[in-house]
N, C-alpha and C. Protein backbone atom coordinates (compact mmCIF):
# COMPACT_ATOMS: atom_id res chain seq x y z
N MET A 1 -67.97 23.46 7.77
CA MET A 1 -67.45 24.19 8.94
C MET A 1 -65.66 23.50 9.42
N ILE A 2 -66.25 22.29 9.14
CA ILE A 2 -65.06 21.53 9.75
C ILE A 2 -64.11 22.13 8.71
N ARG A 3 -64.36 21.85 7.51
CA ARG A 3 -62.86 22.40 6.38
C ARG A 3 -62.39 23.71 6.64
N GLU A 4 -63.27 24.63 7.26
CA GLU A 4 -62.95 26.06 7.46
C GLU A 4 -61.66 26.07 8.47
N PHE A 5 -62.14 24.77 9.72
CA PHE A 5 -61.29 25.01 10.78
C PHE A 5 -59.64 24.43 10.42
N PHE A 6 -60.09 23.52 9.42
CA PHE A 6 -58.79 23.10 9.30
C PHE A 6 -58.20 23.78 7.82
N SER A 7 -58.58 24.43 7.35
CA SER A 7 -58.27 25.08 6.01
C SER A 7 -56.79 25.78 6.54
N GLU A 8 -56.21 25.92 7.53
CA GLU A 8 -54.88 26.76 7.88
C GLU A 8 -53.97 25.83 7.89
N LEU A 9 -53.98 24.56 7.45
CA LEU A 9 -53.08 23.64 7.57
C LEU A 9 -52.68 23.00 6.45
N LYS A 10 -53.17 23.82 5.13
CA LYS A 10 -52.48 23.66 3.85
C LYS A 10 -51.43 24.54 3.43
N ASP A 11 -51.56 25.70 4.65
CA ASP A 11 -50.24 26.56 4.59
C ASP A 11 -48.96 25.80 5.08
N GLU A 12 -47.84 25.32 4.39
CA GLU A 12 -47.19 25.16 4.61
C GLU A 12 -46.20 25.26 6.15
N ASN A 13 -46.06 26.34 6.05
CA ASN A 13 -45.10 27.32 7.32
C ASN A 13 -45.99 27.21 8.24
N TYR A 14 -47.05 26.93 8.73
CA TYR A 14 -48.62 26.86 9.42
C TYR A 14 -48.40 25.37 10.16
N PHE A 15 -48.50 24.97 8.95
CA PHE A 15 -48.47 23.33 9.47
C PHE A 15 -47.33 22.64 10.06
N LYS A 16 -45.92 23.12 9.89
CA LYS A 16 -44.70 22.91 10.46
C LYS A 16 -44.66 23.58 11.99
N GLN A 17 -45.80 24.27 12.09
CA GLN A 17 -45.46 24.33 14.00
C GLN A 17 -46.19 23.27 14.49
N VAL A 18 -46.49 22.27 14.22
CA VAL A 18 -46.97 21.07 14.59
C VAL A 18 -46.33 20.70 16.30
N LYS A 19 -47.09 20.63 17.11
CA LYS A 19 -46.38 20.15 18.21
C LYS A 19 -47.40 19.08 18.77
N PRO A 20 -46.35 18.39 19.88
CA PRO A 20 -47.30 17.12 20.53
C PRO A 20 -48.26 17.63 21.67
N LEU A 21 -49.10 17.08 21.75
CA LEU A 21 -50.25 16.76 22.79
C LEU A 21 -50.80 15.70 23.30
N PHE A 22 -50.41 15.60 24.41
CA PHE A 22 -50.92 14.57 24.95
C PHE A 22 -50.88 13.13 24.00
N ILE A 23 -51.29 12.69 23.68
CA ILE A 23 -51.57 11.68 22.93
C ILE A 23 -52.46 11.74 21.38
N GLY A 24 -51.35 13.40 20.66
CA GLY A 24 -51.86 13.80 19.42
C GLY A 24 -50.83 14.37 18.88
N ILE A 25 -51.49 15.61 17.95
CA ILE A 25 -50.67 16.57 17.78
C ILE A 25 -51.32 17.56 17.72
N SER A 26 -50.87 18.88 17.73
CA SER A 26 -51.86 20.44 17.96
C SER A 26 -51.06 21.58 17.17
N TRP A 27 -52.06 22.51 16.44
CA TRP A 27 -51.01 23.73 16.21
C TRP A 27 -51.74 24.58 16.67
N PRO A 28 -51.19 26.12 16.45
CA PRO A 28 -50.98 27.47 17.36
C PRO A 28 -52.78 27.45 17.72
N ASN A 29 -53.80 27.31 16.36
CA ASN A 29 -54.80 27.80 16.65
C ASN A 29 -55.76 27.05 17.16
N GLN A 30 -55.38 26.19 17.97
CA GLN A 30 -56.03 25.05 18.55
C GLN A 30 -56.58 23.47 17.74
N GLN A 31 -56.30 23.54 16.35
CA GLN A 31 -56.57 22.54 15.77
C GLN A 31 -55.86 21.23 15.93
N ASP A 32 -56.49 20.17 15.90
CA ASP A 32 -54.88 19.02 16.56
C ASP A 32 -56.42 17.94 16.33
N PHE A 33 -55.57 16.64 15.77
CA PHE A 33 -55.59 15.55 15.88
C PHE A 33 -55.04 14.53 17.03
N SER A 34 -56.27 13.53 17.70
CA SER A 34 -55.74 12.43 18.30
C SER A 34 -54.88 11.27 17.77
N ALA A 35 -54.47 10.51 18.51
CA ALA A 35 -53.85 9.52 18.06
C ALA A 35 -55.02 8.39 17.06
N ASP A 36 -55.59 8.16 17.81
CA ASP A 36 -57.01 7.53 17.17
C ASP A 36 -57.37 7.87 15.89
N THR A 37 -57.75 9.30 15.66
CA THR A 37 -57.67 9.69 14.22
C THR A 37 -56.91 9.61 13.11
N ILE A 38 -55.51 10.07 13.73
CA ILE A 38 -54.53 9.73 12.80
C ILE A 38 -54.37 8.23 12.47
N GLU A 39 -54.16 7.04 13.65
CA GLU A 39 -54.68 5.90 13.05
C GLU A 39 -55.46 5.57 12.01
N HIS A 40 -56.71 6.00 12.25
CA HIS A 40 -57.50 5.68 11.33
C HIS A 40 -57.80 6.31 10.07
N GLU A 41 -57.13 7.18 10.17
CA GLU A 41 -56.93 7.78 8.32
C GLU A 41 -55.79 7.26 7.54
N MET A 42 -54.67 6.60 8.75
CA MET A 42 -53.50 5.92 8.08
C MET A 42 -54.26 4.45 7.35
N HIS A 43 -55.26 4.06 8.27
CA HIS A 43 -55.86 2.44 7.63
C HIS A 43 -56.63 2.86 6.37
N SER A 44 -57.14 4.30 6.01
CA SER A 44 -58.07 4.80 5.35
C SER A 44 -57.30 4.91 3.83
N VAL A 45 -56.02 5.44 3.96
CA VAL A 45 -55.29 5.54 3.25
C VAL A 45 -54.50 4.44 2.51
N GLU A 46 -53.83 3.28 3.49
CA GLU A 46 -53.63 2.14 3.06
C GLU A 46 -54.73 1.34 2.39
N GLU A 47 -56.42 1.41 2.72
CA GLU A 47 -56.83 0.46 1.97
C GLU A 47 -57.02 1.24 1.05
N THR A 48 -56.93 2.40 0.34
CA THR A 48 -57.50 3.32 -0.51
C THR A 48 -56.19 2.79 -1.83
N VAL A 49 -54.97 2.72 -1.13
CA VAL A 49 -53.65 2.05 -2.05
C VAL A 49 -53.90 1.09 -2.35
N ASP A 50 -54.55 -0.07 -1.48
CA ASP A 50 -54.49 -1.55 -2.01
C ASP A 50 -55.71 -1.50 -2.97
N ASN A 51 -56.80 -0.95 -2.81
CA ASN A 51 -57.69 -1.29 -3.72
C ASN A 51 -57.12 -0.67 -4.74
N ALA A 52 -56.45 0.46 -5.36
CA ALA A 52 -56.23 0.74 -6.55
C ALA A 52 -54.85 0.19 -7.05
N LYS A 53 -54.19 -0.78 -6.19
CA LYS A 53 -53.16 -1.77 -6.80
C LYS A 53 -54.39 -2.73 -7.41
N ARG A 54 -55.15 -3.41 -7.04
CA ARG A 54 -56.14 -4.16 -7.09
C ARG A 54 -56.91 -4.20 -8.54
N ASN A 55 -56.83 -2.87 -8.80
CA ASN A 55 -57.69 -2.81 -9.92
C ASN A 55 -56.97 -2.15 -11.15
């Protein structure tokens, strides 16, 4: 269900409609990410890159 909810974000034109929302970001159809979620995802990506460099 979550994947379906965020599937619109794959559309570049829709994705570009992002707006700041309190301490996060939001799109027109109520999809949003908090600052904490964004930070967590950034660390996950950094860990993945670091692990790939080691291997």
